[in-house]
Amino acid sequence: MKNFRNTAAKTAIQNAISNSEFALSHSEIQAAIYDLCDRVTTYRVLERLTDEGSIHKIINTDGVIKYATCTSCSEKHNHNHAHFSCEKCKTVTCLQNVEPVYKLPEKYLVNEANFVLSGLCPNCL
């Protein structure tokens, strides 16, 4: 994976994501970095961090993209885990020990999967 130049914006965005217990949306990241950079720069940095394998994208049940730190990736970028979206508090959490299982017909190749379970988190239950 290609390494990109380290900038103040990249460092702030990466720290905001890694210091959060939950996956963050673009607007939540913008608020966490106190608008250090404009929204376009934030999108570019998020794409760079995704390409580097530092973070991964989660498409939430409402269609909002959230970002979380990669914790189980080593040399190969792999996100074979489920995510949980709380219907009440709207948090999205990576469930590292929950591996989804699926079977595909022959001649299909999966490059990426997005598994989001929704319901109530332990805090809202």
C-alpha atoms as a PDB file:
ATOM      1  CA  MET A   1       0.000   0.000   0.000  1.00  0.00           C
ATOM      2  CA  LYS A   2       1.256   3.440  -0.872  1.00  0.00           C
ATOM      3  CA  ASN A   3       2.197   5.777   1.986  1.00  0.00           C
ATOM      4  CA  PHE A   4       1.062   9.374   1.659  1.00  0.00           C
ATOM      5  CA  ARG A   5       2.664  12.479   3.095  1.00  0.00           C
ATOM      6  CA  ASN A   6       1.802  13.126   6.723  1.00  0.00           C
ATOM      7  CA  THR A   7      -0.018  16.453   7.161  1.00  0.00           C
ATOM      8  CA  ALA A   8      -1.651  18.177  10.122  1.00  0.00           C
ATOM      9  CA  ALA A   9      -5.082  17.406   8.659  1.00  0.00           C
ATOM     10  CA  LYS A  10      -4.240  13.735   8.101  1.00  0.00           C
ATOM     11  CA  THR A  11      -2.868  13.381  11.628  1.00  0.00           C
ATOM     12  CA  ALA A  12      -5.880  15.127  13.202  1.00  0.00           C
ATOM     13  CA  ILE A  13      -8.384  13.043  11.220  1.00  0.00           C
ATOM     14  CA  GLN A  14      -6.593   9.784  11.967  1.00  0.00           C
ATOM     15  CA  ASN A  15      -6.423  10.671  15.676  1.00  0.00           C
ATOM     16  CA  ALA A  16     -10.126  11.578  15.775  1.00  0.00           C
ATOM     17  CA  ILE A  17     -11.060   8.210  14.285  1.00  0.00           C
ATOM     18  CA  SER A  18      -8.640   6.142  16.369  1.00  0.00           C
ATOM     19  CA  ASN A  19      -9.650   7.878  19.619  1.00  0.00           C
ATOM     20  CA  SER A  20     -13.357   7.227  19.068  1.00  0.00           C
ATOM     21  CA  GLU A  21     -15.135   4.156  20.433  1.00  0.00           C
ATOM     22  CA  PHE A  22     -17.522   4.320  17.484  1.00  0.00           C
ATOM     23  CA  ALA A  23     -17.264   4.752  13.741  1.00  0.00           C
ATOM     24  CA  LEU A  24     -17.517   8.412  12.701  1.00  0.00           C
ATOM     25  CA  SER A  25     -19.241  10.102   9.775  1.00  0.00           C
ATOM     26  CA  HIS A  26     -17.635  12.874   7.725  1.00  0.00           C
ATOM     27  CA  SER A  27     -19.555  15.551   9.651  1.00  0.00           C
ATOM     28  CA  GLU A  28     -18.616  14.007  13.002  1.00  0.00           C
ATOM     29  CA  ILE A  29     -14.964  14.008  11.940  1.00  0.00           C
ATOM     30  CA  GLN A  30     -15.213  17.651  10.822  1.00  0.00           C
ATOM     31  CA  ALA A  31     -16.596  18.581  14.253  1.00  0.00           C
ATOM     32  CA  ALA A  32     -13.912  16.540  16.057  1.00  0.00           C
ATOM     33  CA  ILE A  33     -11.092  18.353  14.241  1.00  0.00           C
ATOM     34  CA  TYR A  34     -12.738  21.759  14.755  1.00  0.00           C
ATOM     35  CA  ASP A  35     -12.904  22.433  10.998  1.00  0.00           C
ATOM     36  CA  LEU A  36      -9.085  22.312  10.706  1.00  0.00           C
ATOM     37  CA  CYS A  37      -9.584  21.789   6.978  1.00  0.00           C
ATOM     38  CA  ASP A  38     -12.453  22.131   4.522  1.00  0.00           C
ATOM     39  CA  ARG A  39     -14.825  19.266   3.808  1.00  0.00           C
ATOM     40  CA  VAL A  40     -13.210  18.401   0.445  1.00  0.00           C
ATOM     41  CA  THR A  41      -9.799  18.028   2.084  1.00  0.00           C
ATOM     42  CA  THR A  42     -11.389  15.851   4.761  1.00  0.00           C
ATOM     43  CA  TYR A  43     -12.870  13.588   2.060  1.00  0.00           C
ATOM     44  CA  ARG A  44      -9.482  13.349   0.330  1.00  0.00           C
ATOM     45  CA  VAL A  45      -7.707  12.484   3.576  1.00  0.00           C
ATOM     46  CA  LEU A  46     -10.343   9.839   4.379  1.00  0.00           C
ATOM     47  CA  GLU A  47      -9.785   8.273   0.950  1.00  0.00           C
ATOM     48  CA  ARG A  48      -6.004   8.312   1.504  1.00  0.00           C
ATOM     49  CA  LEU A  49      -6.324   6.687   4.919  1.00  0.00           C
ATOM     50  CA  THR A  50      -8.652   4.061   3.438  1.00  0.00           C
ATOM     51  CA  ASP A  51      -6.189   3.393   0.594  1.00  0.00           C
ATOM     52  CA  GLU A  52      -3.329   3.091   3.101  1.00  0.00           C
ATOM     53  CA  GLY A  53      -5.322   0.565   5.115  1.00  0.00           C
ATOM     54  CA  SER A  54      -5.414   2.686   8.282  1.00  0.00           C
ATOM     55  CA  ILE A  55      -9.205   2.987   8.303  1.00  0.00           C
ATOM     56  CA  HIS A  56     -12.181   1.306   6.673  1.00  0.00           C
ATOM     57  CA  LYS A  57     -15.575   2.487   5.462  1.00  0.00           C
ATOM     58  CA  ILE A  58     -18.892   1.280   6.784  1.00  0.00           C
ATOM     59  CA  ILE A  59     -22.099   2.053   4.924  1.00  0.00           C
ATOM     60  CA  ASN A  60     -24.661   2.436   7.683  1.00  0.00           C
ATOM     61  CA  THR A  61     -28.296   1.344   7.429  1.00  0.00           C
ATOM     62  CA  ASP A  62     -29.298   4.963   6.703  1.00  0.00           C
ATOM     63  CA  GLY A  63     -26.783   5.205   3.834  1.00  0.00           C
ATOM     64  CA  VAL A  64     -24.326   7.407   5.750  1.00  0.00           C
ATOM     65  CA  ILE A  65     -20.681   6.361   5.358  1.00  0.00           C
ATOM     66  CA  LYS A  66     -18.829   6.000   8.646  1.00  0.00           C
ATOM     67  CA  TYR A  67     -15.112   5.424   9.195  1.00  0.00           C
ATOM     68  CA  ALA A  68     -13.350   3.251  11.774  1.00  0.00           C
ATOM     69  CA  THR A  69      -9.762   2.311  12.548  1.00  0.00           C
ATOM     70  CA  CYS A  70      -8.418  -0.908  11.081  1.00  0.00           C
ATOM     71  CA  THR A  71      -7.426  -3.118  13.978  1.00  0.00           C
ATOM     72  CA  SER A  72      -7.405  -6.587  12.447  1.00  0.00           C
ATOM     73  CA  CYS A  73      -5.502  -5.786   9.249  1.00  0.00           C
ATOM     74  CA  SER A  74      -1.909  -6.842   8.939  1.00  0.00           C
ATOM     75  CA  GLU A  75      -0.331  -6.933   5.499  1.00  0.00           C
ATOM     76  CA  LYS A  76      -3.618  -7.712   3.746  1.00  0.00           C
ATOM     77  CA  HIS A  77      -6.536  -5.278   4.059  1.00  0.00           C
ATOM     78  CA  ASN A  78      -9.378  -7.440   5.379  1.00  0.00           C
ATOM     79  CA  HIS A  79     -12.629  -6.472   7.078  1.00  0.00           C
ATOM     80  CA  ASN A  80     -14.371  -9.749   7.514  1.00  0.00           C
ATOM     81  CA  HIS A  81     -16.366  -8.618  10.525  1.00  0.00           C
ATOM     82  CA  ALA A  82     -19.822  -7.275  11.203  1.00  0.00           C
ATOM     83  CA  HIS A  83     -20.838  -3.805  12.338  1.00  0.00           C
ATOM     84  CA  PHE A  84     -23.654  -2.883  14.693  1.00  0.00           C
ATOM     85  CA  SER A  85     -25.820   0.200  14.166  1.00  0.00           C
ATOM     86  CA  CYS A  86     -27.867   1.314  17.173  1.00  0.00           C
ATOM     87  CA  GLU A  87     -31.323   2.505  16.158  1.00  0.00           C
ATOM     88  CA  LYS A  88     -31.617   4.740  19.228  1.00  0.00           C
ATOM     89  CA  CYS A  89     -28.246   6.485  19.760  1.00  0.00           C
ATOM     90  CA  LYS A  90     -27.141   6.092  16.106  1.00  0.00           C
ATOM     91  CA  THR A  91     -23.662   4.777  16.972  1.00  0.00           C
ATOM     92  CA  VAL A  92     -21.922   2.279  14.695  1.00  0.00           C
ATOM     93  CA  THR A  93     -19.532  -0.203  16.263  1.00  0.00           C
ATOM     94  CA  CYS A  94     -17.148  -2.758  14.744  1.00  0.00           C
ATOM     95  CA  LEU A  95     -17.842  -6.247  16.075  1.00  0.00           C
ATOM     96  CA  GLN A  96     -14.372  -7.757  15.688  1.00  0.00           C
ATOM     97  CA  ASN A  97     -15.270 -11.243  16.869  1.00  0.00           C
ATOM     98  CA  VAL A  98     -18.384 -11.610  14.716  1.00  0.00           C
ATOM     99  CA  GLU A  99     -17.523 -13.006  11.298  1.00  0.00           C
ATOM    100  CA  PRO A 100     -20.369 -13.115   8.807  1.00  0.00           C
ATOM    101  CA  VAL A 101     -20.810 -16.279   6.781  1.00  0.00           C
ATOM    102  CA  TYR A 102     -22.310 -16.424   3.317  1.00  0.00           C
ATOM    103  CA  LYS A 103     -22.345 -18.715   0.294  1.00  0.00           C
ATOM    104  CA  LEU A 104     -22.302 -17.447  -3.256  1.00  0.00           C
ATOM    105  CA  PRO A 105     -23.155 -19.236  -6.483  1.00  0.00           C
ATOM    106  CA  GLU A 106     -20.246 -20.398  -8.599  1.00  0.00           C
ATOM    107  CA  LYS A 107     -18.318 -17.857 -10.670  1.00  0.00           C
ATOM    108  CA  TYR A 108     -18.861 -14.962  -8.218  1.00  0.00           C
ATOM    109  CA  LEU A 109     -15.904 -13.204  -6.642  1.00  0.00           C
ATOM    110  CA  VAL A 110     -16.362 -10.884  -3.654  1.00  0.00           C
ATOM    111  CA  ASN A 111     -13.974  -7.937  -3.430  1.00  0.00           C
ATOM    112  CA  GLU A 112     -15.711  -6.162  -0.579  1.00  0.00           C
ATOM    113  CA  ALA A 113     -18.596  -6.840   1.788  1.00  0.00           C
ATOM    114  CA  ASN A 114     -20.499  -4.613   4.184  1.00  0.00           C
ATOM    115  CA  PHE A 115     -22.309  -6.323   7.052  1.00  0.00           C
ATOM    116  CA  VAL A 116     -24.382  -4.048   9.285  1.00  0.00           C
ATOM    117  CA  LEU A 117     -26.673  -5.385  11.969  1.00  0.00           C
ATOM    118  CA  SER A 118     -29.143  -2.965  13.520  1.00  0.00           C
ATOM    119  CA  GLY A 119     -30.983  -2.905  16.810  1.00  0.00           C
ATOM    120  CA  LEU A 120     -30.249  -1.526  20.286  1.00  0.00           C
ATOM    121  CA  CYS A 121     -26.722  -1.333  21.702  1.00  0.00           C
ATOM    122  CA  PRO A 122     -25.984  -2.335  25.329  1.00  0.00           C
ATOM    123  CA  ASN A 123     -26.136   1.344  26.431  1.00  0.00           C
ATOM    124  CA  CYS A 124     -29.625   1.844  24.973  1.00  0.00           C
ATOM    125  CA  LEU A 125     -31.108  -1.529  25.859  1.00  0.00           C
END
